[in-house]
Amino acid sequence: MERTTTTGPVPAAHAEGQQHPIKLYLVVWGWLFVLSLFSYLVDYFHFQGYLRWSLILIFMMLKAGLIVAVFMHMAWERLALTYAILLPPLAVLVFVALMAAESNYTLFTRMTFLGPDG
């Protein structure tokens, strides 16, 4: 179904708002349920240390990505808008990783030159 304007035909999805099938939302809801179950199982099986925190962060990022992509409709936005929203948090994560590496180097330097009491 198309509408005609002075500039030419307009697709129905753009004329009346884009509609997504309910199946898409149900599938995403299912994936969110499964990822939440996996997050729960990390605690249930008593994972410890870096494995525990890595799994929790991976599942959290996957769930957040699904929510942003589908429920906030970022998967259908223009690439420039997507970059404008996703690149700043990615840059913050890179800077946090650099600061963590710098803190390890600072600790190593203090322990080497000042001793354990320095």
PDB file of N, CA and C in Angstrom:
ATOM      1  N   MET A   1       0.845  -1.171   0.000  1.00  0.00           N
ATOM      2  CA  MET A   1       0.000   0.000   0.000  1.00  0.00           C
ATOM      3  C   MET A   1       0.892   1.236   0.000  1.00  0.00           C
ATOM      4  N   GLU A   2       0.774   2.064  -0.987  1.00  0.00           N
ATOM      5  CA  GLU A   2       1.606   3.256  -1.094  1.00  0.00           C
ATOM      6  C   GLU A   2       0.736   4.490  -1.178  1.00  0.00           C
ATOM      7  N   ARG A   3       1.234   5.563  -0.624  1.00  0.00           N
ATOM      8  CA  ARG A   3       0.617   6.872  -0.752  1.00  0.00           C
ATOM      9  C   ARG A   3       1.388   7.652  -1.793  1.00  0.00           C
ATOM     10  N   THR A   4       0.741   8.543  -2.458  1.00  0.00           N
ATOM     11  CA  THR A   4       1.421   9.368  -3.441  1.00  0.00           C
ATOM     12  C   THR A   4       1.464  10.803  -2.935  1.00  0.00           C
ATOM     13  N   THR A   5       2.661  11.396  -3.011  1.00  0.00           N
ATOM     14  CA  THR A   5       2.820  12.800  -2.647  1.00  0.00           C
ATOM     15  C   THR A   5       3.337  13.547  -3.861  1.00  0.00           C
ATOM     16  N   THR A   6       3.604  14.810  -3.702  1.00  0.00           N
ATOM     17  CA  THR A   6       4.109  15.596  -4.824  1.00  0.00           C
ATOM     18  C   THR A   6       5.516  15.176  -5.235  1.00  0.00           C
ATOM     19  N   THR A   7       6.232  14.512  -4.332  1.00  0.00           N
ATOM     20  CA  THR A   7       7.588  14.063  -4.654  1.00  0.00           C
ATOM     21  C   THR A   7       7.621  12.617  -5.106  1.00  0.00           C
ATOM     22  N   GLY A   8       6.503  11.926  -5.074  1.00  0.00           N
ATOM     23  CA  GLY A   8       6.467  10.532  -5.522  1.00  0.00           C
ATOM     24  C   GLY A   8       5.825   9.639  -4.482  1.00  0.00           C
ATOM     25  N   PRO A   9       5.834   8.327  -4.732  1.00  0.00           N
ATOM     26  CA  PRO A   9       5.197   7.389  -3.799  1.00  0.00           C
ATOM     27  C   PRO A   9       5.971   7.273  -2.488  1.00  0.00           C
ATOM     28  N   VAL A  10       5.228   7.099  -1.404  1.00  0.00           N
ATOM     29  CA  VAL A  10       5.814   6.913  -0.082  1.00  0.00           C
ATOM     30  C   VAL A  10       5.411   5.527   0.402  1.00  0.00           C
ATOM     31  N   PRO A  11       6.373   4.681   0.781  1.00  0.00           N
ATOM     32  CA  PRO A  11       6.007   3.351   1.291  1.00  0.00           C
ATOM     33  C   PRO A  11       5.117   3.462   2.522  1.00  0.00           C
ATOM     34  N   ALA A  12       4.238   2.487   2.690  1.00  0.00           N
ATOM     35  CA  ALA A  12       3.265   2.519   3.783  1.00  0.00           C
ATOM     36  C   ALA A  12       3.940   2.495   5.149  1.00  0.00           C
ATOM     37  N   ALA A  13       5.074   1.784   5.278  1.00  0.00           N
ATOM     38  CA  ALA A  13       5.747   1.710   6.568  1.00  0.00           C
ATOM     39  C   ALA A  13       6.214   3.080   7.023  1.00  0.00           C
ATOM     40  N   HIS A  14       6.647   3.918   6.094  1.00  0.00           N
ATOM     41  CA  HIS A  14       7.109   5.249   6.465  1.00  0.00           C
ATOM     42  C   HIS A  14       5.936   6.211   6.621  1.00  0.00           C
ATOM     43  N   ALA A  15       4.858   5.971   5.916  1.00  0.00           N
ATOM     44  CA  ALA A  15       3.711   6.872   5.983  1.00  0.00           C
ATOM     45  C   ALA A  15       2.973   6.734   7.304  1.00  0.00           C
ATOM     46  N   GLU A  16       2.846   5.523   7.823  1.00  0.00           N
ATOM     47  CA  GLU A  16       2.049   5.290   9.018  1.00  0.00           C
ATOM     48  C   GLU A  16       2.883   4.875  10.221  1.00  0.00           C
ATOM     49  N   GLY A  17       4.184   4.844  10.122  1.00  0.00           N
ATOM     50  CA  GLY A  17       5.035   4.370  11.213  1.00  0.00           C
ATOM     51  C   GLY A  17       5.415   2.920  10.984  1.00  0.00           C
ATOM     52  N   GLN A  18       6.622   2.611  11.317  1.00  0.00           N
ATOM     53  CA  GLN A  18       7.127   1.261  11.060  1.00  0.00           C
ATOM     54  C   GLN A  18       6.550   0.279  12.063  1.00  0.00           C
ATOM     55  N   GLN A  19       6.053  -0.844  11.572  1.00  0.00           N
ATOM     56  CA  GLN A  19       5.490  -1.877  12.422  1.00  0.00           C
ATOM     57  C   GLN A  19       6.396  -3.104  12.387  1.00  0.00           C
ATOM     58  N   HIS A  20       6.671  -3.665  13.564  1.00  0.00           N
ATOM     59  CA  HIS A  20       7.486  -4.869  13.655  1.00  0.00           C
ATOM     60  C   HIS A  20       6.594  -6.014  14.102  1.00  0.00           C
ATOM     61  N   PRO A  21       6.855  -7.201  13.602  1.00  0.00           N
ATOM     62  CA  PRO A  21       6.008  -8.336  13.999  1.00  0.00           C
ATOM     63  C   PRO A  21       6.178  -8.666  15.480  1.00  0.00           C
ATOM     64  N   ILE A  22       5.110  -9.101  16.089  1.00  0.00           N
ATOM     65  CA  ILE A  22       5.126  -9.445  17.509  1.00  0.00           C
ATOM     66  C   ILE A  22       6.094 -10.593  17.771  1.00  0.00           C
ATOM     67  N   LYS A  23       6.328 -11.441  16.764  1.00  0.00           N
ATOM     68  CA  LYS A  23       7.250 -12.576  16.921  1.00  0.00           C
ATOM     69  C   LYS A  23       8.649 -12.086  17.277  1.00  0.00           C
ATOM     70  N   LEU A  24       9.075 -10.977  16.693  1.00  0.00           N
ATOM     71  CA  LEU A  24      10.397 -10.426  16.995  1.00  0.00           C
ATOM     72  C   LEU A  24      10.510 -10.102  18.479  1.00  0.00           C
ATOM     73  N   TYR A  25       9.508  -9.464  19.029  1.00  0.00           N
ATOM     74  CA  TYR A  25       9.547  -9.094  20.433  1.00  0.00           C
ATOM     75  C   TYR A  25       9.484 -10.325  21.337  1.00  0.00           C
ATOM     76  N   LEU A  26       8.734 -11.329  20.950  1.00  0.00           N
ATOM     77  CA  LEU A  26       8.666 -12.552  21.742  1.00  0.00           C
ATOM     78  C   LEU A  26       9.980 -13.314  21.718  1.00  0.00           C
ATOM     79  N   VAL A  27      10.639 -13.334  20.565  1.00  0.00           N
ATOM     80  CA  VAL A  27      11.947 -14.001  20.463  1.00  0.00           C
ATOM     81  C   VAL A  27      12.970 -13.274  21.330  1.00  0.00           C
ATOM     82  N   VAL A  28      12.981 -11.955  21.273  1.00  0.00           N
ATOM     83  CA  VAL A  28      13.910 -11.182  22.102  1.00  0.00           C
ATOM     84  C   VAL A  28      13.596 -11.394  23.578  1.00  0.00           C
ATOM     85  N   TRP A  29      12.331 -11.416  23.931  1.00  0.00           N
ATOM     86  CA  TRP A  29      11.947 -11.689  25.311  1.00  0.00           C
ATOM     87  C   TRP A  29      12.465 -13.064  25.743  1.00  0.00           C
ATOM     88  N   GLY A  30      12.353 -14.052  24.858  1.00  0.00           N
ATOM     89  CA  GLY A  30      12.875 -15.392  25.160  1.00  0.00           C
ATOM     90  C   GLY A  30      14.378 -15.371  25.392  1.00  0.00           C
ATOM     91  N   TRP A  31      15.115 -14.668  24.530  1.00  0.00           N
ATOM     92  CA  TRP A  31      16.567 -14.564  24.705  1.00  0.00           C
ATOM     93  C   TRP A  31      16.910 -13.849  26.005  1.00  0.00           C
ATOM     94  N   LEU A  32      16.170 -12.816  26.354  1.00  0.00           N
ATOM     95  CA  LEU A  32      16.417 -12.130  27.621  1.00  0.00           C
ATOM     96  C   LEU A  32      16.169 -13.053  28.804  1.00  0.00           C
ATOM     97  N   PHE A  33      15.151 -13.880  28.707  1.00  0.00           N
ATOM     98  CA  PHE A  33      14.865 -14.858  29.762  1.00  0.00           C
ATOM     99  C   PHE A  33      16.010 -15.855  29.886  1.00  0.00           C
ATOM    100  N   VAL A  34      16.487 -16.376  28.753  1.00  0.00           N
ATOM    101  CA  VAL A  34      17.583 -17.363  28.763  1.00  0.00           C
ATOM    102  C   VAL A  34      18.862 -16.734  29.329  1.00  0.00           C
ATOM    103  N   LEU A  35      19.189 -15.515  28.901  1.00  0.00           N
ATOM    104  CA  LEU A  35      20.393 -14.854  29.414  1.00  0.00           C
ATOM    105  C   LEU A  35      20.276 -14.554  30.904  1.00  0.00           C
ATOM    106  N   SER A  36      19.075 -14.201  31.369  1.00  0.00           N
ATOM    107  CA  SER A  36      18.870 -13.990  32.800  1.00  0.00           C
ATOM    108  C   SER A  36      19.014 -15.294  33.566  1.00  0.00           C
ATOM    109  N   LEU A  37      18.550 -16.381  32.992  1.00  0.00           N
ATOM    110  CA  LEU A  37      18.723 -17.698  33.603  1.00  0.00           C
ATOM    111  C   LEU A  37      20.205 -18.032  33.724  1.00  0.00           C
ATOM    112  N   PHE A  38      20.979 -17.769  32.674  1.00  0.00           N
ATOM    113  CA  PHE A  38      22.421 -18.018  32.727  1.00  0.00           C
ATOM    114  C   PHE A  38      23.087 -17.157  33.801  1.00  0.00           C
ATOM    115  N   SER A  39      22.649 -15.912  33.945  1.00  0.00           N
ATOM    116  CA  SER A  39      23.196 -15.045  34.993  1.00  0.00           C
ATOM    117  C   SER A  39      22.904 -15.629  36.369  1.00  0.00           C
ATOM    118  N   TYR A  40      21.710 -16.152  36.533  1.00  0.00           N
ATOM    119  CA  TYR A  40      21.349 -16.782  37.800  1.00  0.00           C
ATOM    120  C   TYR A  40      22.187 -18.028  38.044  1.00  0.00           C
ATOM    121  N   LEU A  41      22.415 -18.811  36.992  1.00  0.00           N
ATOM    122  CA  LEU A  41      23.184 -20.047  37.141  1.00  0.00           C
ATOM    123  C   LEU A  41      24.643 -19.792  37.507  1.00  0.00           C
ATOM    124  N   VAL A  42      25.166 -18.633  37.155  1.00  0.00           N
ATOM    125  CA  VAL A  42      26.529 -18.283  37.567  1.00  0.00           C
ATOM    126  C   VAL A  42      26.613 -18.273  39.092  1.00  0.00           C
ATOM    127  N   ASP A  43      25.619 -17.706  39.747  1.00  0.00           N
ATOM    128  CA  ASP A  43      25.594 -17.716  41.217  1.00  0.00           C
ATOM    129  C   ASP A  43      25.242 -19.088  41.761  1.00  0.00           C
ATOM    130  N   TYR A  44      24.327 -19.784  41.112  1.00  0.00           N
ATOM    131  CA  TYR A  44      23.880 -21.090  41.595  1.00  0.00           C
ATOM    132  C   TYR A  44      25.033 -22.089  41.629  1.00  0.00           C
ATOM    133  N   PHE A  45      25.894 -22.053  40.610  1.00  0.00           N
ATOM    134  CA  PHE A  45      27.021 -22.993  40.545  1.00  0.00           C
ATOM    135  C   PHE A  45      28.266 -22.459  41.239  1.00  0.00           C
ATOM    136  N   HIS A  46      28.154 -21.328  41.917  1.00  0.00           N
ATOM    137  CA  HIS A  46      29.225 -20.765  42.746  1.00  0.00           C
ATOM    138  C   HIS A  46      30.521 -20.535  41.973  1.00  0.00           C
ATOM    139  N   PHE A  47      30.413 -19.972  40.783  1.00  0.00           N
ATOM    140  CA  PHE A  47      31.625 -19.572  40.069  1.00  0.00           C
ATOM    141  C   PHE A  47      32.292 -18.451  40.863  1.00  0.00           C
ATOM    142  N   GLN A  48      33.625 -18.431  40.869  1.00  0.00           N
ATOM    143  CA  GLN A  48      34.357 -17.437  41.638  1.00  0.00           C
ATOM    144  C   GLN A  48      35.408 -16.755  40.778  1.00  0.00           C
ATOM    145  N   GLY A  49      35.849 -15.610  41.216  1.00  0.00           N
ATOM    146  CA  GLY A  49      36.972 -14.924  40.592  1.00  0.00           C
ATOM    147  C   GLY A  49      36.620 -14.271  39.267  1.00  0.00           C
ATOM    148  N   TYR A  50      37.627 -14.245  38.386  1.00  0.00           N
ATOM    149  CA  TYR A  50      37.469 -13.580  37.094  1.00  0.00           C
ATOM    150  C   TYR A  50      36.416 -14.256  36.220  1.00  0.00           C
ATOM    151  N   LEU A  51      36.276 -15.583  36.319  1.00  0.00           N
ATOM    152  CA  LEU A  51      35.267 -16.290  35.526  1.00  0.00           C
ATOM    153  C   LEU A  51      33.873 -15.789  35.884  1.00  0.00           C
ATOM    154  N   ARG A  52      33.600 -15.650  37.170  1.00  0.00           N
ATOM    155  CA  ARG A  52      32.285 -15.179  37.621  1.00  0.00           C
ATOM    156  C   ARG A  52      31.980 -13.786  37.062  1.00  0.00           C
ATOM    157  N   TRP A  53      32.915 -12.856  37.250  1.00  0.00           N
ATOM    158  CA  TRP A  53      32.672 -11.487  36.829  1.00  0.00           C
ATOM    159  C   TRP A  53      32.657 -11.355  35.318  1.00  0.00           C
ATOM    160  N   SER A  54      33.451 -12.150  34.636  1.00  0.00           N
ATOM    161  CA  SER A  54      33.425 -12.119  33.165  1.00  0.00           C
ATOM    162  C   SER A  54      32.078 -12.594  32.644  1.00  0.00           C
ATOM    163  N   LEU A  55      31.578 -13.694  33.185  1.00  0.00           N
ATOM    164  CA  LEU A  55      30.277 -14.205  32.746  1.00  0.00           C
ATOM    165  C   LEU A  55      29.151 -13.224  33.060  1.00  0.00           C
ATOM    166  N   ILE A  56      29.176 -12.654  34.252  1.00  0.00           N
ATOM    167  CA  ILE A  56      28.131 -11.695  34.621  1.00  0.00           C
ATOM    168  C   ILE A  56      28.149 -10.504  33.679  1.00  0.00           C
ATOM    169  N   LEU A  57      29.343  -9.973  33.394  1.00  0.00           N
ATOM    170  CA  LEU A  57      29.438  -8.816  32.500  1.00  0.00           C
ATOM    171  C   LEU A  57      29.039  -9.162  31.068  1.00  0.00           C
ATOM    172  N   ILE A  58      29.411 -10.343  30.605  1.00  0.00           N
ATOM    173  CA  ILE A  58      29.037 -10.755  29.245  1.00  0.00           C
ATOM    174  C   ILE A  58      27.525 -10.863  29.120  1.00  0.00           C
ATOM    175  N   PHE A  59      26.884 -11.536  30.085  1.00  0.00           N
ATOM    176  CA  PHE A  59      25.429 -11.682  30.029  1.00  0.00           C
ATOM    177  C   PHE A  59      24.737 -10.327  30.165  1.00  0.00           C
ATOM    178  N   MET A  60      25.276  -9.448  31.011  1.00  0.00           N
ATOM    179  CA  MET A  60      24.690  -8.125  31.181  1.00  0.00           C
ATOM    180  C   MET A  60      24.777  -7.323  29.884  1.00  0.00           C
ATOM    181  N   MET A  61      25.935  -7.362  29.219  1.00  0.00           N
ATOM    182  CA  MET A  61      26.114  -6.607  27.983  1.00  0.00           C
ATOM    183  C   MET A  61      25.230  -7.168  26.862  1.00  0.00           C
ATOM    184  N   LEU A  62      25.090  -8.480  26.792  1.00  0.00           N
ATOM    185  CA  LEU A  62      24.213  -9.079  25.785  1.00  0.00           C
ATOM    186  C   LEU A  62      22.761  -8.664  26.000  1.00  0.00           C
ATOM    187  N   LYS A  63      22.310  -8.689  27.250  1.00  0.00           N
ATOM    188  CA  LYS A  63      20.930  -8.272  27.533  1.00  0.00           C
ATOM    189  C   LYS A  63      20.727  -6.797  27.218  1.00  0.00           C
ATOM    190  N   ALA A  64      21.680  -5.963  27.613  1.00  0.00           N
ATOM    191  CA  ALA A  64      21.562  -4.529  27.326  1.00  0.00           C
ATOM    192  C   ALA A  64      21.570  -4.283  25.818  1.00  0.00           C
ATOM    193  N   GLY A  65      22.398  -5.008  25.090  1.00  0.00           N
ATOM    194  CA  GLY A  65      22.446  -4.862  23.640  1.00  0.00           C
ATOM    195  C   GLY A  65      21.131  -5.238  22.978  1.00  0.00           C
ATOM    196  N   LEU A  66      20.530  -6.328  23.422  1.00  0.00           N
ATOM    197  CA  LEU A  66      19.226  -6.720  22.874  1.00  0.00           C
ATOM    198  C   LEU A  66      18.158  -5.672  23.172  1.00  0.00           C
ATOM    199  N   ILE A  67      18.154  -5.167  24.385  1.00  0.00           N
ATOM    200  CA  ILE A  67      17.147  -4.170  24.753  1.00  0.00           C
ATOM    201  C   ILE A  67      17.319  -2.902  23.935  1.00  0.00           C
ATOM    202  N   VAL A  68      18.554  -2.440  23.800  1.00  0.00           N
ATOM    203  CA  VAL A  68      18.804  -1.223  23.032  1.00  0.00           C
ATOM    204  C   VAL A  68      18.482  -1.433  21.556  1.00  0.00           C
ATOM    205  N   ALA A  69      18.890  -2.566  21.004  1.00  0.00           N
ATOM    206  CA  ALA A  69      18.696  -2.805  19.570  1.00  0.00           C
ATOM    207  C   ALA A  69      17.232  -2.958  19.197  1.00  0.00           C
ATOM    208  N   VAL A  70      16.474  -3.696  19.981  1.00  0.00           N
ATOM    209  CA  VAL A  70      15.102  -4.019  19.576  1.00  0.00           C
ATOM    210  C   VAL A  70      14.075  -3.114  20.253  1.00  0.00           C
ATOM    211  N   PHE A  71      14.083  -3.055  21.578  1.00  0.00           N
ATOM    212  CA  PHE A  71      13.039  -2.304  22.270  1.00  0.00           C
ATOM    213  C   PHE A  71      13.223  -0.796  22.149  1.00  0.00           C
ATOM    214  N   MET A  72      14.465  -0.345  21.983  1.00  0.00           N
ATOM    215  CA  MET A  72      14.698   1.088  21.777  1.00  0.00           C
ATOM    216  C   MET A  72      14.866   1.400  20.289  1.00  0.00           C
ATOM    217  N   HIS A  73      14.667   0.403  19.433  1.00  0.00           N
ATOM    218  CA  HIS A  73      14.651   0.546  17.973  1.00  0.00           C
ATOM    219  C   HIS A  73      15.963   1.050  17.377  1.00  0.00           C
ATOM    220  N   MET A  74      17.085   0.794  18.048  1.00  0.00           N
ATOM    221  CA  MET A  74      18.377   1.232  17.507  1.00  0.00           C
ATOM    222  C   MET A  74      18.793   0.404  16.291  1.00  0.00           C
ATOM    223  N   ALA A  75      18.297  -0.793  16.155  1.00  0.00           N
ATOM    224  CA  ALA A  75      18.659  -1.630  15.008  1.00  0.00           C
ATOM    225  C   ALA A  75      18.144  -1.037  13.710  1.00  0.00           C
ATOM    226  N   TRP A  76      17.154  -0.164  13.781  1.00  0.00           N
ATOM    227  CA  TRP A  76      16.570   0.412  12.569  1.00  0.00           C
ATOM    228  C   TRP A  76      16.922   1.886  12.391  1.00  0.00           C
ATOM    229  N   GLU A  77      17.817   2.398  13.227  1.00  0.00           N
ATOM    230  CA  GLU A  77      18.211   3.805  13.121  1.00  0.00           C
ATOM    231  C   GLU A  77      19.325   3.974  12.094  1.00  0.00           C
ATOM    232  N   ARG A  78      19.584   5.201  11.743  1.00  0.00           N
ATOM    233  CA  ARG A  78      20.675   5.496  10.822  1.00  0.00           C
ATOM    234  C   ARG A  78      22.001   5.189  11.495  1.00  0.00           C
ATOM    235  N   LEU A  79      22.984   4.853  10.699  1.00  0.00           N
ATOM    236  CA  LEU A  79      24.294   4.474  11.211  1.00  0.00           C
ATOM    237  C   LEU A  79      24.943   5.609  12.000  1.00  0.00           C
ATOM    238  N   ALA A  80      24.780   6.831  11.563  1.00  0.00           N
ATOM    239  CA  ALA A  80      25.379   7.971  12.270  1.00  0.00           C
ATOM    240  C   ALA A  80      24.818   8.096  13.680  1.00  0.00           C
ATOM    241  N   LEU A  81      23.506   7.915  13.838  1.00  0.00           N
ATOM    242  CA  LEU A  81      22.894   7.991  15.163  1.00  0.00           C
ATOM    243  C   LEU A  81      23.376   6.836  16.038  1.00  0.00           C
ATOM    244  N   THR A  82      23.486   5.672  15.446  1.00  0.00           N
ATOM    245  CA  THR A  82      23.976   4.511  16.191  1.00  0.00           C
ATOM    246  C   THR A  82      25.392   4.768  16.692  1.00  0.00           C
ATOM    247  N   TYR A  83      26.258   5.283  15.823  1.00  0.00           N
ATOM    248  CA  TYR A  83      27.625   5.599  16.238  1.00  0.00           C
ATOM    249  C   TYR A  83      27.637   6.671  17.319  1.00  0.00           C
ATOM    250  N   ALA A  84      26.778   7.655  17.204  1.00  0.00           N
ATOM    251  CA  ALA A  84      26.741   8.739  18.182  1.00  0.00           C
ATOM    252  C   ALA A  84      26.333   8.239  19.556  1.00  0.00           C
ATOM    253  N   ILE A  85      25.545   7.186  19.618  1.00  0.00           N
ATOM    254  CA  ILE A  85      25.095   6.660  20.900  1.00  0.00           C
ATOM    255  C   ILE A  85      26.028   5.575  21.431  1.00  0.00           C
ATOM    256  N   LEU A  86      26.588   4.752  20.558  1.00  0.00           N
ATOM    257  CA  LEU A  86      27.390   3.620  21.010  1.00  0.00           C
ATOM    258  C   LEU A  86      28.869   3.928  21.193  1.00  0.00           C
ATOM    259  N   LEU A  87      29.432   4.844  20.435  1.00  0.00           N
ATOM    260  CA  LEU A  87      30.864   5.096  20.534  1.00  0.00           C
ATOM    261  C   LEU A  87      31.301   5.749  21.852  1.00  0.00           C
ATOM    262  N   PRO A  88      30.573   6.722  22.411  1.00  0.00           N
ATOM    263  CA  PRO A  88      31.030   7.286  23.687  1.00  0.00           C
ATOM    264  C   PRO A  88      31.149   6.259  24.824  1.00  0.00           C
ATOM    265  N   PRO A  89      30.160   5.371  25.054  1.00  0.00           N
ATOM    266  CA  PRO A  89      30.372   4.367  26.105  1.00  0.00           C
ATOM    267  C   PRO A  89      31.525   3.421  25.785  1.00  0.00           C
ATOM    268  N   LEU A  90      31.717   3.111  24.513  1.00  0.00           N
ATOM    269  CA  LEU A  90      32.846   2.265  24.137  1.00  0.00           C
ATOM    270  C   LEU A  90      34.167   2.957  24.439  1.00  0.00           C
ATOM    271  N   ALA A  91      34.245   4.255  24.160  1.00  0.00           N
ATOM    272  CA  ALA A  91      35.454   5.024  24.478  1.00  0.00           C
ATOM    273  C   ALA A  91      35.698   5.048  25.988  1.00  0.00           C
ATOM    274  N   VAL A  92      34.631   5.176  26.777  1.00  0.00           N
ATOM    275  CA  VAL A  92      34.781   5.162  28.233  1.00  0.00           C
ATOM    276  C   VAL A  92      35.337   3.820  28.690  1.00  0.00           C
ATOM    277  N   LEU A  93      34.851   2.718  28.121  1.00  0.00           N
ATOM    278  CA  LEU A  93      35.371   1.402  28.486  1.00  0.00           C
ATOM    279  C   LEU A  93      36.846   1.259  28.136  1.00  0.00           C
ATOM    280  N   VAL A  94      37.245   1.783  26.996  1.00  0.00           N
ATOM    281  CA  VAL A  94      38.662   1.739  26.609  1.00  0.00           C
ATOM    282  C   VAL A  94      39.495   2.535  27.603  1.00  0.00           C
ATOM    283  N   PHE A  95      39.034   3.724  27.975  1.00  0.00           N
ATOM    284  CA  PHE A  95      39.775   4.540  28.931  1.00  0.00           C
ATOM    285  C   PHE A  95      39.837   3.890  30.307  1.00  0.00           C
ATOM    286  N   VAL A  96      38.779   3.218  30.726  1.00  0.00           N
ATOM    287  CA  VAL A  96      38.798   2.508  32.007  1.00  0.00           C
ATOM    288  C   VAL A  96      39.833   1.381  31.954  1.00  0.00           C
ATOM    289  N   ALA A  97      39.899   0.665  30.844  1.00  0.00           N
ATOM    290  CA  ALA A  97      40.900  -0.402  30.703  1.00  0.00           C
ATOM    291  C   ALA A  97      42.313   0.178  30.749  1.00  0.00           C
ATOM    292  N   LEU A  98      42.524   1.311  30.096  1.00  0.00           N
ATOM    293  CA  LEU A  98      43.841   1.951  30.138  1.00  0.00           C
ATOM    294  C   LEU A  98      44.195   2.396  31.557  1.00  0.00           C
ATOM    295  N   MET A  99      43.220   2.931  32.283  1.00  0.00           N
ATOM    296  CA  MET A  99      43.485   3.353  33.663  1.00  0.00           C
ATOM    297  C   MET A  99      43.776   2.159  34.561  1.00  0.00           C
ATOM    298  N   ALA A 100      43.094   1.035  34.325  1.00  0.00           N
ATOM    299  CA  ALA A 100      43.368  -0.168  35.112  1.00  0.00           C
ATOM    300  C   ALA A 100      44.789  -0.658  34.861  1.00  0.00           C
ATOM    301  N   ALA A 101      45.228  -0.637  33.606  1.00  0.00           N
ATOM    302  CA  ALA A 101      46.604  -1.042  33.289  1.00  0.00           C
ATOM    303  C   ALA A 101      47.598  -0.073  33.930  1.00  0.00           C
ATOM    304  N   GLU A 102      47.297   1.212  33.904  1.00  0.00           N
ATOM    305  CA  GLU A 102      48.176   2.211  34.511  1.00  0.00           C
ATOM    306  C   GLU A 102      48.255   2.024  36.022  1.00  0.00           C
ATOM    307  N   SER A 103      47.130   1.671  36.647  1.00  0.00           N
ATOM    308  CA  SER A 103      47.148   1.469  38.094  1.00  0.00           C
ATOM    309  C   SER A 103      48.001   0.264  38.472  1.00  0.00           C
ATOM    310  N   ASN A 104      47.959  -0.789  37.658  1.00  0.00           N
ATOM    311  CA  ASN A 104      48.814  -1.947  37.922  1.00  0.00           C
ATOM    312  C   ASN A 104      50.285  -1.573  37.789  1.00  0.00           C
ATOM    313  N   TYR A 105      50.621  -0.772  36.805  1.00  0.00           N
ATOM    314  CA  TYR A 105      51.991  -0.318  36.619  1.00  0.00           C
ATOM    315  C   TYR A 105      52.434   0.561  37.788  1.00  0.00           C
ATOM    316  N   THR A 106      51.564   1.439  38.250  1.00  0.00           N
ATOM    317  CA  THR A 106      51.896   2.310  39.384  1.00  0.00           C
ATOM    318  C   THR A 106      52.128   1.487  40.640  1.00  0.00           C
ATOM    319  N   LEU A 107      51.268   0.503  40.885  1.00  0.00           N
ATOM    320  CA  LEU A 107      51.443  -0.374  42.046  1.00  0.00           C
ATOM    321  C   LEU A 107      52.757  -1.145  41.950  1.00  0.00           C
ATOM    322  N   PHE A 108      53.046  -1.681  40.780  1.00  0.00           N
ATOM    323  CA  PHE A 108      54.298  -2.422  40.568  1.00  0.00           C
ATOM    324  C   PHE A 108      55.501  -1.517  40.842  1.00  0.00           C
ATOM    325  N   THR A 109      55.467  -0.290  40.347  1.00  0.00           N
ATOM    326  CA  THR A 109      56.577   0.645  40.543  1.00  0.00           C
ATOM    327  C   THR A 109      56.748   0.993  42.014  1.00  0.00           C
ATOM    328  N   ARG A 110      55.669   1.235  42.714  1.00  0.00           N
ATOM    329  CA  ARG A 110      55.759   1.553  44.143  1.00  0.00           C
ATOM    330  C   ARG A 110      56.289   0.375  44.940  1.00  0.00           C
ATOM    331  N   MET A 111      55.832  -0.820  44.625  1.00  0.00           N
ATOM    332  CA  MET A 111      56.300  -2.015  45.351  1.00  0.00           C
ATOM    333  C   MET A 111      57.789  -2.253  45.073  1.00  0.00           C
ATOM    334  N   THR A 112      58.235  -1.965  43.851  1.00  0.00           N
ATOM    335  CA  THR A 112      59.626  -2.213  43.484  1.00  0.00           C
ATOM    336  C   THR A 112      60.568  -1.222  44.153  1.00  0.00           C
ATOM    337  N   PHE A 113      60.227   0.049  44.109  1.00  0.00           N
ATOM    338  CA  PHE A 113      61.153   1.080  44.558  1.00  0.00           C
ATOM    339  C   PHE A 113      60.934   1.514  46.008  1.00  0.00           C
ATOM    340  N   LEU A 114      59.734   1.386  46.520  1.00  0.00           N
ATOM    341  CA  LEU A 114      59.459   1.846  47.876  1.00  0.00           C
ATOM    342  C   LEU A 114      59.253   0.701  48.870  1.00  0.00           C
ATOM    343  N   GLY A 115      59.112  -0.495  48.373  1.00  0.00           N
ATOM    344  CA  GLY A 115      58.891  -1.650  49.255  1.00  0.00           C
ATOM    345  C   GLY A 115      57.435  -1.789  49.624  1.00  0.00           C
ATOM    346  N   PRO A 116      57.110  -2.846  50.358  1.00  0.00           N
ATOM    347  CA  PRO A 116      55.704  -3.115  50.704  1.00  0.00           C
ATOM    348  C   PRO A 116      55.108  -2.088  51.647  1.00  0.00           C
ATOM    349  N   ASP A 117      55.917  -1.322  52.389  1.00  0.00           N
ATOM    350  CA  ASP A 117      55.389  -0.333  53.329  1.00  0.00           C
ATOM    351  C   ASP A 117      55.274   1.048  52.690  1.00  0.00           C
ATOM    352  N   GLY A 118      55.739   1.224  51.444  1.00  0.00           N
ATOM    353  CA  GLY A 118      55.780   2.548  50.807  1.00  0.00           C
ATOM    354  C   GLY A 118      54.500   2.897  50.211  1.00  0.00           C
TER     355      GLY A 118
END
